Amino acid sequence: MRASGSRRARTADTGGTADLSNRSALVTGATSGIGFSTARRLAARGATVLVTGRDSRRGIEAAGELRRAAGHERVEFIRVDHSTVAANLALAEGLQGRLGRLDMLVNNVGGLIPSRVTTGDGYELTLALNFLAPFVLTGSLLPLMLASDSARCVNVISSAFTMAKGDPLDDIQSEQAYAPLRVLARAKLLALVWTAALADQHRGSRLSEVAVNPGMAWTPGTQSLTPAAVPAWRYIWPIVRFFQRRADPDRAAAACEAVVDAPATAIDGRYFDGQKPHPLPRSVVEAGLRERVLKLGKNLADRAAR
C-alpha cells in the first residue's frame, strides 16, 4: 500500500536518543497525521505503542505500517470513537485489565468541526473531542500512569486557544452561535486550563502533564477545511493553503516526542509552542477558572454516565 503524504511510515531519525523498548504508550487519534507520526517516532525507538481511531480498516493498515517502520511487532490498533464518555471509559477499563502500567499518554484526538454536530451523549462534538475525551480518558487511566516510574501525559492543543474571548464556559454547547474556529479555540483553552490544573494536583508524583501546540500540519483534518469553516481566513485562503500544504506532520510530531523525552521538571504543567516553552496566560493561572473547568469536566462526564 502506498502511504499518503499525511501518513508516511518513514525510517528517518526521530531526533530522540533514549531506548524506549521497556516503555508503553497510547496515542489517540493516531491512524494519520500528527498522531500517526508521533506513534511512528515512539515505536521506532522501541516503545510498545497502542493507537486509536474510528476506522478499523485504516487503523489496521496504519498499525501495519508502523510495525514495518519500527522493525518490531509491538504496535496495536484499538478501534475507539472518542466522542462519547462511555467509549473512553471502556478503553481505559480494557487497558487496566491488560497493562501493568502506562508510561506515555498522548491525547492527540481532536480537531475543528465545520458545522455543529452533537455526540451520542448530546454534547457538541468539538467540545467532546478536544476537551471531554482527554479529560475522561486521562482520569480513568491515572492508576496505570501512576504505576509507572516516570509517566508523561501529553495533551495536544492548538495556538487557536489565544482566540478564545469572554467567559469560556458561556454557551458551553455552542447552541446560541456556532463559529467553528471560535468553538475550537474555547475547547483548546479548556484543555490547557485542565492540563495546568492536573499538573498541580500531581505535583511531586511520578506523573507529569504538559500541553503542546505541535504547529501547523497538512493532515486529513486540515485538508478538509473550507473557507466557510474559518471565515476569518476567507480572503487569504490561497495563502493559508500554500503554507498548510508545506507543513509536515512529522515535523509537528517532533514537538510531542520532545516533551516525552524531557525531564519532568522541564515540562510539568507547562505549555510548549512547538519545542519552545511559553508562559501560561494569566487566565490559565487563575485558580477560579481552573476550579470551574475541573467541575465542568466532571459534571459532563457524570451526566453522560447516568
C-alpha atoms as a PDB file:
ATOM      1  CA  MET A   1       0.000   0.000   0.000  1.00  0.00           C
ATOM      2  CA  ARG A   2       1.217   3.449  -0.828  1.00  0.00           C
ATOM      3  CA  ALA A   3       1.229   5.806   2.155  1.00  0.00           C
ATOM      4  CA  SER A   4      -0.341   9.217   1.731  1.00  0.00           C
ATOM      5  CA  GLY A   5       1.536  12.436   2.301  1.00  0.00           C
ATOM      6  CA  SER A   6      -0.083  12.785   5.712  1.00  0.00           C
ATOM      7  CA  ARG A   7       0.834   9.263   6.830  1.00  0.00           C
ATOM      8  CA  ARG A   8       4.293   8.218   5.796  1.00  0.00           C
ATOM      9  CA  ALA A   9       5.913   5.446   7.832  1.00  0.00           C
ATOM     10  CA  ARG A  10       9.437   6.620   7.256  1.00  0.00           C
ATOM     11  CA  THR A  11      12.577   5.349   8.934  1.00  0.00           C
ATOM     12  CA  ALA A  12      14.095   8.791   9.324  1.00  0.00           C
ATOM     13  CA  ASP A  13      15.880   9.770  12.521  1.00  0.00           C
ATOM     14  CA  THR A  14      13.299  10.576  15.205  1.00  0.00           C
ATOM     15  CA  GLY A  15      15.572  13.024  16.967  1.00  0.00           C
ATOM     16  CA  GLY A  16      15.254  11.164  20.281  1.00  0.00           C
ATOM     17  CA  THR A  17      18.040   9.027  21.698  1.00  0.00           C
ATOM     18  CA  ALA A  18      16.724   7.148  24.729  1.00  0.00           C
ATOM     19  CA  ASP A  19      15.803   3.494  24.276  1.00  0.00           C
ATOM     20  CA  LEU A  20      12.050   3.128  24.851  1.00  0.00           C
ATOM     21  CA  SER A  21      11.893  -0.661  24.477  1.00  0.00           C
ATOM     22  CA  ASN A  22      10.668  -1.090  28.034  1.00  0.00           C
ATOM     23  CA  ARG A  23       8.085   1.705  27.791  1.00  0.00           C
ATOM     24  CA  SER A  24       4.427   1.716  26.745  1.00  0.00           C
ATOM     25  CA  ALA A  25       2.487   4.467  25.002  1.00  0.00           C
ATOM     26  CA  LEU A  26      -1.089   5.210  24.000  1.00  0.00           C
ATOM     27  CA  VAL A  27      -1.583   7.749  21.207  1.00  0.00           C
ATOM     28  CA  THR A  28      -5.192   8.677  20.475  1.00  0.00           C
ATOM     29  CA  GLY A  29      -6.429   9.577  17.010  1.00  0.00           C
ATOM     30  CA  ALA A  30      -3.243   8.167  15.519  1.00  0.00           C
ATOM     31  CA  THR A  31      -4.177   6.499  12.231  1.00  0.00           C
ATOM     32  CA  SER A  32      -2.984   9.547  10.259  1.00  0.00           C
ATOM     33  CA  GLY A  33      -1.477  12.999  10.615  1.00  0.00           C
ATOM     34  CA  ILE A  34       0.405  14.180  13.690  1.00  0.00           C
ATOM     35  CA  GLY A  35      -0.826  11.288  15.823  1.00  0.00           C
ATOM     36  CA  PHE A  36       0.482   8.730  13.329  1.00  0.00           C
ATOM     37  CA  SER A  37       3.844  10.475  13.085  1.00  0.00           C
ATOM     38  CA  THR A  38       4.103  10.654  16.886  1.00  0.00           C
ATOM     39  CA  ALA A  39       3.337   6.957  17.177  1.00  0.00           C
ATOM     40  CA  ARG A  40       5.929   6.215  14.471  1.00  0.00           C
ATOM     41  CA  ARG A  41       8.596   8.144  16.347  1.00  0.00           C
ATOM     42  CA  LEU A  42       7.906   6.349  19.637  1.00  0.00           C
ATOM     43  CA  ALA A  43       7.648   2.900  18.057  1.00  0.00           C
ATOM     44  CA  ALA A  44      10.887   3.458  16.112  1.00  0.00           C
ATOM     45  CA  ARG A  45      12.666   3.847  19.425  1.00  0.00           C
ATOM     46  CA  GLY A  46      11.305   0.547  20.693  1.00  0.00           C
ATOM     47  CA  ALA A  47       8.186   1.577  22.613  1.00  0.00           C
ATOM     48  CA  THR A  48       5.115  -0.629  22.750  1.00  0.00           C
ATOM     49  CA  VAL A  49       2.533   1.634  21.098  1.00  0.00           C
ATOM     50  CA  LEU A  50      -1.252   1.479  21.101  1.00  0.00           C
ATOM     51  CA  VAL A  51      -3.020   3.706  18.584  1.00  0.00           C
ATOM     52  CA  THR A  52      -6.715   4.527  18.412  1.00  0.00           C
ATOM     53  CA  GLY A  53      -9.053   5.602  15.648  1.00  0.00           C
ATOM     54  CA  ARG A  54     -12.627   5.218  14.424  1.00  0.00           C
ATOM     55  CA  ASP A  55     -11.994   3.434  11.112  1.00  0.00           C
ATOM     56  CA  SER A  56     -10.977  -0.212  11.514  1.00  0.00           C
ATOM     57  CA  ARG A  57      -9.588  -0.643   8.006  1.00  0.00           C
ATOM     58  CA  ARG A  58      -7.474   2.475   8.177  1.00  0.00           C
ATOM     59  CA  GLY A  59      -6.371   1.628  11.706  1.00  0.00           C
ATOM     60  CA  ILE A  60      -5.219  -1.879  10.808  1.00  0.00           C
ATOM     61  CA  GLU A  61      -3.307  -0.514   7.818  1.00  0.00           C
ATOM     62  CA  ALA A  62      -1.709   2.204   9.947  1.00  0.00           C
ATOM     63  CA  ALA A  63      -0.622  -0.295  12.609  1.00  0.00           C
ATOM     64  CA  GLY A  64       0.928  -2.474   9.910  1.00  0.00           C
ATOM     65  CA  GLU A  65       2.875   0.483   8.522  1.00  0.00           C
ATOM     66  CA  LEU A  66       4.069   1.412  11.989  1.00  0.00           C
ATOM     67  CA  ARG A  67       5.251  -2.126  12.732  1.00  0.00           C
ATOM     68  CA  ARG A  68       7.190  -2.326   9.487  1.00  0.00           C
ATOM     69  CA  ALA A  69       8.829   1.049  10.077  1.00  0.00           C
ATOM     70  CA  ALA A  70       9.693   0.244  13.704  1.00  0.00           C
ATOM     71  CA  GLY A  71      11.038  -3.224  12.962  1.00  0.00           C
ATOM     72  CA  HIS A  72       9.049  -4.870  15.760  1.00  0.00           C
ATOM     73  CA  GLU A  73       5.509  -6.150  16.314  1.00  0.00           C
ATOM     74  CA  ARG A  74       4.596  -4.200  19.453  1.00  0.00           C
ATOM     75  CA  VAL A  75       2.180  -1.804  17.758  1.00  0.00           C
ATOM     76  CA  GLU A  76      -1.560  -2.352  18.077  1.00  0.00           C
ATOM     77  CA  PHE A  77      -4.643  -0.604  16.778  1.00  0.00           C
ATOM     78  CA  ILE A  78      -7.719  -0.224  19.002  1.00  0.00           C
ATOM     79  CA  ARG A  79     -10.957   0.966  17.461  1.00  0.00           C
ATOM     80  CA  VAL A  80     -12.428   3.793  19.563  1.00  0.00           C
ATOM     81  CA  ASP A  81     -14.860   6.624  18.879  1.00  0.00           C
ATOM     82  CA  HIS A  82     -13.598   9.131  21.427  1.00  0.00           C
ATOM     83  CA  SER A  83     -16.684  11.342  21.040  1.00  0.00           C
ATOM     84  CA  THR A  84     -18.593   9.590  23.846  1.00  0.00           C
ATOM     85  CA  VAL A  85     -17.781   9.286  27.516  1.00  0.00           C
ATOM     86  CA  ALA A  86     -18.709   5.588  27.530  1.00  0.00           C
ATOM     87  CA  ALA A  87     -16.175   4.792  24.796  1.00  0.00           C
ATOM     88  CA  ASN A  88     -13.332   6.480  26.678  1.00  0.00           C
ATOM     89  CA  LEU A  89     -14.284   4.717  29.901  1.00  0.00           C
ATOM     90  CA  ALA A  90     -14.425   1.375  28.094  1.00  0.00           C
ATOM     91  CA  LEU A  91     -10.983   1.936  26.558  1.00  0.00           C
ATOM     92  CA  ALA A  92      -9.481   2.729  29.958  1.00  0.00           C
ATOM     93  CA  GLU A  93     -11.164  -0.272  31.569  1.00  0.00           C
ATOM     94  CA  GLY A  94      -9.840  -2.577  28.868  1.00  0.00           C
ATOM     95  CA  LEU A  95      -6.303  -1.286  29.272  1.00  0.00           C
ATOM     96  CA  GLN A  96      -6.432  -1.616  33.044  1.00  0.00           C
ATOM     97  CA  GLY A  97      -7.233  -5.276  32.568  1.00  0.00           C
ATOM     98  CA  ARG A  98      -4.170  -5.954  30.414  1.00  0.00           C
ATOM     99  CA  LEU A  99      -1.425  -3.432  31.286  1.00  0.00           C
ATOM    100  CA  GLY A 100       0.570  -3.202  34.466  1.00  0.00           C
ATOM    101  CA  ARG A 101       1.405   0.425  33.780  1.00  0.00           C
ATOM    102  CA  LEU A 102       1.206   3.118  31.106  1.00  0.00           C
ATOM    103  CA  ASP A 103       4.280   5.279  30.619  1.00  0.00           C
ATOM    104  CA  MET A 104       3.108   7.698  27.925  1.00  0.00           C
ATOM    105  CA  LEU A 105      -0.343   9.012  27.049  1.00  0.00           C
ATOM    106  CA  VAL A 106      -0.585  11.363  24.072  1.00  0.00           C
ATOM    107  CA  ASN A 107      -4.085  12.870  23.903  1.00  0.00           C
ATOM    108  CA  ASN A 108      -3.939  13.763  20.233  1.00  0.00           C
ATOM    109  CA  VAL A 109      -7.541  13.181  19.142  1.00  0.00           C
ATOM    110  CA  GLY A 110      -9.475  16.329  18.246  1.00  0.00           C
ATOM    111  CA  GLY A 111      -9.859  18.853  15.503  1.00  0.00           C
ATOM    112  CA  LEU A 112     -12.049  21.567  14.043  1.00  0.00           C
ATOM    113  CA  ILE A 113     -15.616  20.559  13.132  1.00  0.00           C
ATOM    114  CA  PRO A 114     -17.007  22.639  10.214  1.00  0.00           C
ATOM    115  CA  SER A 115     -20.640  22.593  11.401  1.00  0.00           C
ATOM    116  CA  ARG A 116     -22.354  21.953  14.711  1.00  0.00           C
ATOM    117  CA  VAL A 117     -22.792  18.246  15.437  1.00  0.00           C
ATOM    118  CA  THR A 118     -23.852  16.542  18.656  1.00  0.00           C
ATOM    119  CA  THR A 119     -22.477  13.289  20.032  1.00  0.00           C
ATOM    120  CA  GLY A 120     -24.289  10.244  21.355  1.00  0.00           C
ATOM    121  CA  ASP A 121     -24.137  11.943  24.755  1.00  0.00           C
ATOM    122  CA  GLY A 122     -25.879  15.017  23.341  1.00  0.00           C
ATOM    123  CA  TYR A 123     -22.750  17.173  23.600  1.00  0.00           C
ATOM    124  CA  GLU A 124     -21.321  19.467  20.940  1.00  0.00           C
ATOM    125  CA  LEU A 125     -18.663  17.442  19.099  1.00  0.00           C
ATOM    126  CA  THR A 126     -15.771  19.937  19.207  1.00  0.00           C
ATOM    127  CA  LEU A 127     -16.091  20.197  22.980  1.00  0.00           C
ATOM    128  CA  ALA A 128     -16.440  16.430  23.337  1.00  0.00           C
ATOM    129  CA  LEU A 129     -13.358  15.541  21.267  1.00  0.00           C
ATOM    130  CA  ASN A 130     -10.955  18.306  22.227  1.00  0.00           C
ATOM    131  CA  PHE A 131     -11.721  18.638  25.928  1.00  0.00           C
ATOM    132  CA  LEU A 132     -14.018  15.996  27.390  1.00  0.00           C
ATOM    133  CA  ALA A 133     -12.419  12.957  25.721  1.00  0.00           C
ATOM    134  CA  PRO A 134      -8.910  13.591  27.108  1.00  0.00           C
ATOM    135  CA  PHE A 135     -10.418  14.677  30.444  1.00  0.00           C
ATOM    136  CA  VAL A 136     -12.291  11.379  30.872  1.00  0.00           C
ATOM    137  CA  LEU A 137      -9.623   9.104  29.402  1.00  0.00           C
ATOM    138  CA  THR A 138      -6.779  10.602  31.423  1.00  0.00           C
ATOM    139  CA  GLY A 139      -8.754  10.491  34.647  1.00  0.00           C
ATOM    140  CA  SER A 140      -9.606   6.838  34.079  1.00  0.00           C
ATOM    141  CA  LEU A 141      -6.005   5.913  33.240  1.00  0.00           C
ATOM    142  CA  LEU A 142      -4.423   7.624  36.242  1.00  0.00           C
ATOM    143  CA  PRO A 143      -3.846   4.363  38.182  1.00  0.00           C
ATOM    144  CA  LEU A 144      -1.872   2.923  35.252  1.00  0.00           C
ATOM    145  CA  MET A 145       0.195   6.070  34.787  1.00  0.00           C
ATOM    146  CA  LEU A 146       0.892   6.471  38.486  1.00  0.00           C
ATOM    147  CA  ALA A 147       2.179   2.865  38.460  1.00  0.00           C
ATOM    148  CA  SER A 148       4.965   3.989  36.095  1.00  0.00           C
ATOM    149  CA  ASP A 149       8.281   5.153  37.479  1.00  0.00           C
ATOM    150  CA  SER A 150       8.061   8.259  35.244  1.00  0.00           C
ATOM    151  CA  ALA A 151       4.871   8.803  33.248  1.00  0.00           C
ATOM    152  CA  ARG A 152       4.058  11.546  30.766  1.00  0.00           C
ATOM    153  CA  CYS A 153       0.630  12.854  29.795  1.00  0.00           C
ATOM    154  CA  VAL A 154       0.933  14.991  26.650  1.00  0.00           C
ATOM    155  CA  ASN A 155      -2.156  16.993  25.733  1.00  0.00           C
ATOM    156  CA  VAL A 156      -2.081  18.216  22.145  1.00  0.00           C
ATOM    157  CA  ILE A 157      -3.689  21.637  21.849  1.00  0.00           C
ATOM    158  CA  SER A 158      -3.561  24.473  19.336  1.00  0.00           C
ATOM    159  CA  SER A 159      -2.454  28.080  19.294  1.00  0.00           C
ATOM    160  CA  ALA A 160      -6.104  28.787  18.448  1.00  0.00           C
ATOM    161  CA  PHE A 161      -6.741  28.918  22.203  1.00  0.00           C
ATOM    162  CA  THR A 162      -5.473  32.504  22.135  1.00  0.00           C
ATOM    163  CA  MET A 163      -8.543  33.424  20.070  1.00  0.00           C
ATOM    164  CA  ALA A 164     -10.982  32.458  22.822  1.00  0.00           C
ATOM    165  CA  LYS A 165     -12.832  35.549  24.053  1.00  0.00           C
ATOM    166  CA  GLY A 166     -15.077  36.165  27.040  1.00  0.00           C
ATOM    167  CA  ASP A 167     -16.052  33.560  29.617  1.00  0.00           C
ATOM    168  CA  PRO A 168     -15.079  30.157  28.129  1.00  0.00           C
ATOM    169  CA  LEU A 169     -17.934  28.460  29.975  1.00  0.00           C
ATOM    170  CA  ASP A 170     -20.670  30.630  28.431  1.00  0.00           C
ATOM    171  CA  ASP A 171     -22.878  28.801  25.912  1.00  0.00           C
ATOM    172  CA  ILE A 172     -20.741  25.744  26.524  1.00  0.00           C
ATOM    173  CA  GLN A 173     -22.626  23.641  23.959  1.00  0.00           C
ATOM    174  CA  SER A 174     -22.494  26.390  21.298  1.00  0.00           C
ATOM    175  CA  GLU A 175     -26.288  26.395  20.980  1.00  0.00           C
ATOM    176  CA  GLN A 176     -26.628  30.155  20.572  1.00  0.00           C
ATOM    177  CA  ALA A 177     -23.935  30.508  17.906  1.00  0.00           C
ATOM    178  CA  TYR A 178     -21.516  28.210  16.120  1.00  0.00           C
ATOM    179  CA  ALA A 179     -18.345  29.663  14.626  1.00  0.00           C
ATOM    180  CA  PRO A 180     -16.018  26.662  14.085  1.00  0.00           C
ATOM    181  CA  LEU A 181     -12.702  28.348  14.856  1.00  0.00           C
ATOM    182  CA  ARG A 182     -14.054  30.108  17.949  1.00  0.00           C
ATOM    183  CA  VAL A 183     -15.567  26.881  19.240  1.00  0.00           C
ATOM    184  CA  LEU A 184     -12.232  25.111  18.729  1.00  0.00           C
ATOM    185  CA  ALA A 185     -10.394  27.977  20.425  1.00  0.00           C
ATOM    186  CA  ARG A 186     -12.593  27.635  23.508  1.00  0.00           C
ATOM    187  CA  ALA A 187     -12.193  23.840  23.639  1.00  0.00           C
ATOM    188  CA  LYS A 188      -8.412  24.086  23.383  1.00  0.00           C
ATOM    189  CA  LEU A 189      -8.338  26.758  26.093  1.00  0.00           C
ATOM    190  CA  LEU A 190     -10.336  24.455  28.375  1.00  0.00           C
ATOM    191  CA  ALA A 191      -7.847  21.665  27.640  1.00  0.00           C
ATOM    192  CA  LEU A 192      -4.930  23.932  28.511  1.00  0.00           C
ATOM    193  CA  VAL A 193      -6.529  25.069  31.774  1.00  0.00           C
ATOM    194  CA  TRP A 194      -7.294  21.456  32.692  1.00  0.00           C
ATOM    195  CA  THR A 195      -3.700  20.415  31.942  1.00  0.00           C
ATOM    196  CA  ALA A 196      -2.348  23.056  34.288  1.00  0.00           C
ATOM    197  CA  ALA A 197      -4.826  22.079  36.999  1.00  0.00           C
ATOM    198  CA  LEU A 198      -3.996  18.394  36.640  1.00  0.00           C
ATOM    199  CA  ALA A 199      -0.285  19.120  36.910  1.00  0.00           C
ATOM    200  CA  ASP A 200      -0.901  20.998  40.162  1.00  0.00           C
ATOM    201  CA  GLN A 201      -2.818  18.022  41.541  1.00  0.00           C
ATOM    202  CA  HIS A 202       0.021  15.605  40.783  1.00  0.00           C
ATOM    203  CA  ARG A 203       2.981  17.831  41.587  1.00  0.00           C
ATOM    204  CA  GLY A 204       5.721  15.720  43.135  1.00  0.00           C
ATOM    205  CA  SER A 205       4.284  12.440  41.829  1.00  0.00           C
ATOM    206  CA  ARG A 206       5.630  10.150  39.100  1.00  0.00           C
ATOM    207  CA  LEU A 207       3.278  11.702  36.549  1.00  0.00           C
ATOM    208  CA  SER A 208       3.951  14.883  34.587  1.00  0.00           C
ATOM    209  CA  GLU A 209       1.368  16.677  32.436  1.00  0.00           C
ATOM    210  CA  VAL A 210       2.222  19.036  29.601  1.00  0.00           C
ATOM    211  CA  ALA A 211       0.302  20.857  26.853  1.00  0.00           C
ATOM    212  CA  VAL A 212       1.832  21.072  23.374  1.00  0.00           C
ATOM    213  CA  ASN A 213       0.885  23.022  20.288  1.00  0.00           C
ATOM    214  CA  PRO A 214       2.749  20.996  17.648  1.00  0.00           C
ATOM    215  CA  GLY A 215       2.063  23.589  14.978  1.00  0.00           C
ATOM    216  CA  MET A 216       0.507  23.515  11.529  1.00  0.00           C
ATOM    217  CA  ALA A 217       0.479  20.260   9.564  1.00  0.00           C
ATOM    218  CA  TRP A 218      -1.039  19.038   6.306  1.00  0.00           C
ATOM    219  CA  THR A 219      -3.313  16.373   7.810  1.00  0.00           C
ATOM    220  CA  PRO A 220      -6.679  14.957   6.696  1.00  0.00           C
ATOM    221  CA  GLY A 221      -8.390  17.332   9.116  1.00  0.00           C
ATOM    222  CA  THR A 222      -6.578  20.330   7.669  1.00  0.00           C
ATOM    223  CA  GLN A 223      -7.264  19.181   4.126  1.00  0.00           C
ATOM    224  CA  SER A 224     -11.000  19.016   4.811  1.00  0.00           C
ATOM    225  CA  LEU A 225     -11.235  22.639   5.918  1.00  0.00           C
ATOM    226  CA  THR A 226     -13.090  25.140   3.753  1.00  0.00           C
ATOM    227  CA  PRO A 227     -13.203  28.954   3.815  1.00  0.00           C
ATOM    228  CA  ALA A 228     -16.709  28.685   5.259  1.00  0.00           C
ATOM    229  CA  ALA A 229     -15.354  26.812   8.285  1.00  0.00           C
ATOM    230  CA  VAL A 230     -12.860  29.577   9.063  1.00  0.00           C
ATOM    231  CA  PRO A 231     -14.418  32.849   7.851  1.00  0.00           C
ATOM    232  CA  ALA A 232     -11.542  34.920   9.218  1.00  0.00           C
ATOM    233  CA  TRP A 233      -9.265  33.314   6.602  1.00  0.00           C
ATOM    234  CA  ARG A 234     -11.660  33.672   3.669  1.00  0.00           C
ATOM    235  CA  TYR A 235      -9.842  36.484   1.916  1.00  0.00           C
ATOM    236  CA  ILE A 236      -6.383  34.999   2.374  1.00  0.00           C
ATOM    237  CA  TRP A 237      -7.380  31.378   1.745  1.00  0.00           C
ATOM    238  CA  PRO A 238      -4.882  30.746  -1.105  1.00  0.00           C
ATOM    239  CA  ILE A 239      -2.041  31.956   1.128  1.00  0.00           C
ATOM    240  CA  VAL A 240      -3.232  29.849   4.059  1.00  0.00           C
ATOM    241  CA  ARG A 241      -3.441  26.792   1.824  1.00  0.00           C
ATOM    242  CA  PHE A 242       0.034  27.449   0.439  1.00  0.00           C
ATOM    243  CA  PHE A 243       1.609  27.207   3.872  1.00  0.00           C
ATOM    244  CA  GLN A 244      -0.655  24.382   5.083  1.00  0.00           C
ATOM    245  CA  ARG A 245       0.374  22.152   2.177  1.00  0.00           C
ATOM    246  CA  ARG A 246       4.019  22.581   3.122  1.00  0.00           C
ATOM    247  CA  ALA A 247       3.572  21.846   6.834  1.00  0.00           C
ATOM    248  CA  ASP A 248       4.982  18.389   7.598  1.00  0.00           C
ATOM    249  CA  PRO A 249       3.093  16.272  10.193  1.00  0.00           C
ATOM    250  CA  ASP A 250       6.335  14.534  11.104  1.00  0.00           C
ATOM    251  CA  ARG A 251       7.990  17.811  11.999  1.00  0.00           C
ATOM    252  CA  ALA A 252       4.989  18.713  14.149  1.00  0.00           C
ATOM    253  CA  ALA A 253       5.134  15.304  15.836  1.00  0.00           C
ATOM    254  CA  ALA A 254       8.714  16.042  16.906  1.00  0.00           C
ATOM    255  CA  ALA A 255       7.290  18.515  19.426  1.00  0.00           C
ATOM    256  CA  CYS A 256       5.251  15.748  21.055  1.00  0.00           C
ATOM    257  CA  GLU A 257       8.232  13.408  21.112  1.00  0.00           C
ATOM    258  CA  ALA A 258      10.459  16.074  22.642  1.00  0.00           C
ATOM    259  CA  VAL A 259       8.325  16.511  25.757  1.00  0.00           C
ATOM    260  CA  VAL A 260       8.112  12.741  26.221  1.00  0.00           C
ATOM    261  CA  ASP A 261      11.913  12.743  26.487  1.00  0.00           C
ATOM    262  CA  ALA A 262      12.329  15.869  28.589  1.00  0.00           C
ATOM    263  CA  PRO A 263      12.972  15.801  32.343  1.00  0.00           C
ATOM    264  CA  ALA A 264       9.807  16.134  34.401  1.00  0.00           C
ATOM    265  CA  THR A 265      10.990  19.391  35.934  1.00  0.00           C
ATOM    266  CA  ALA A 266      11.309  20.923  32.462  1.00  0.00           C
ATOM    267  CA  ILE A 267       7.766  20.169  31.319  1.00  0.00           C
ATOM    268  CA  ASP A 268       5.426  19.607  34.261  1.00  0.00           C
ATOM    269  CA  GLY A 269       2.389  21.879  33.990  1.00  0.00           C
ATOM    270  CA  ARG A 270       3.865  23.887  31.139  1.00  0.00           C
ATOM    271  CA  TYR A 271       2.757  24.924  27.677  1.00  0.00           C
ATOM    272  CA  PHE A 272       5.011  24.352  24.652  1.00  0.00           C
ATOM    273  CA  ASP A 273       4.586  26.059  21.304  1.00  0.00           C
ATOM    274  CA  GLY A 274       6.478  23.622  19.133  1.00  0.00           C
ATOM    275  CA  GLN A 275       9.511  22.711  21.185  1.00  0.00           C
ATOM    276  CA  LYS A 276       9.723  26.063  22.957  1.00  0.00           C
ATOM    277  CA  PRO A 277       8.169  26.600  26.401  1.00  0.00           C
ATOM    278  CA  HIS A 278       5.890  29.607  26.730  1.00  0.00           C
ATOM    279  CA  PRO A 279       4.493  31.229  29.880  1.00  0.00           C
ATOM    280  CA  LEU A 280       0.931  30.270  30.682  1.00  0.00           C
ATOM    281  CA  PRO A 281      -1.574  33.075  30.033  1.00  0.00           C
ATOM    282  CA  ARG A 282      -2.795  34.858  33.137  1.00  0.00           C
ATOM    283  CA  SER A 283      -6.303  33.440  32.716  1.00  0.00           C
ATOM    284  CA  VAL A 284      -4.968  29.878  32.777  1.00  0.00           C
ATOM    285  CA  VAL A 285      -3.094  30.505  36.009  1.00  0.00           C
ATOM    286  CA  GLU A 286      -6.220  31.903  37.707  1.00  0.00           C
ATOM    287  CA  ALA A 287      -7.349  29.380  40.339  1.00  0.00           C
ATOM    288  CA  GLY A 288     -11.030  30.201  39.991  1.00  0.00           C
ATOM    289  CA  LEU A 289     -11.109  29.266  36.319  1.00  0.00           C
ATOM    290  CA  ARG A 290      -9.217  26.033  36.968  1.00  0.00           C
ATOM    291  CA  GLU A 291     -11.791  25.003  39.563  1.00  0.00           C
ATOM    292  CA  ARG A 292     -14.659  25.793  37.192  1.00  0.00           C
ATOM    293  CA  VAL A 293     -13.084  23.821  34.344  1.00  0.00           C
ATOM    294  CA  LEU A 294     -12.473  20.792  36.562  1.00  0.00           C
ATOM    295  CA  LYS A 295     -16.075  20.971  37.747  1.00  0.00           C
ATOM    296  CA  LEU A 296     -17.310  21.287  34.162  1.00  0.00           C
ATOM    297  CA  GLY A 297     -15.433  18.187  33.036  1.00  0.00           C
ATOM    298  CA  LYS A 298     -16.690  16.154  35.991  1.00  0.00           C
ATOM    299  CA  ASN A 299     -20.294  17.282  35.529  1.00  0.00           C
ATOM    300  CA  LEU A 300     -20.282  16.488  31.804  1.00  0.00           C
ATOM    301  CA  ALA A 301     -18.721  13.075  32.415  1.00  0.00           C
ATOM    302  CA  ASP A 302     -21.132  12.219  35.260  1.00  0.00           C
ATOM    303  CA  ARG A 303     -24.176  13.355  33.288  1.00  0.00           C
ATOM    304  CA  ALA A 304     -23.238  11.180  30.302  1.00  0.00           C
ATOM    305  CA  ALA A 305     -22.550   8.170  32.508  1.00  0.00           C
ATOM    306  CA  ARG A 306     -26.026   8.155  34.051  1.00  0.00           C
END
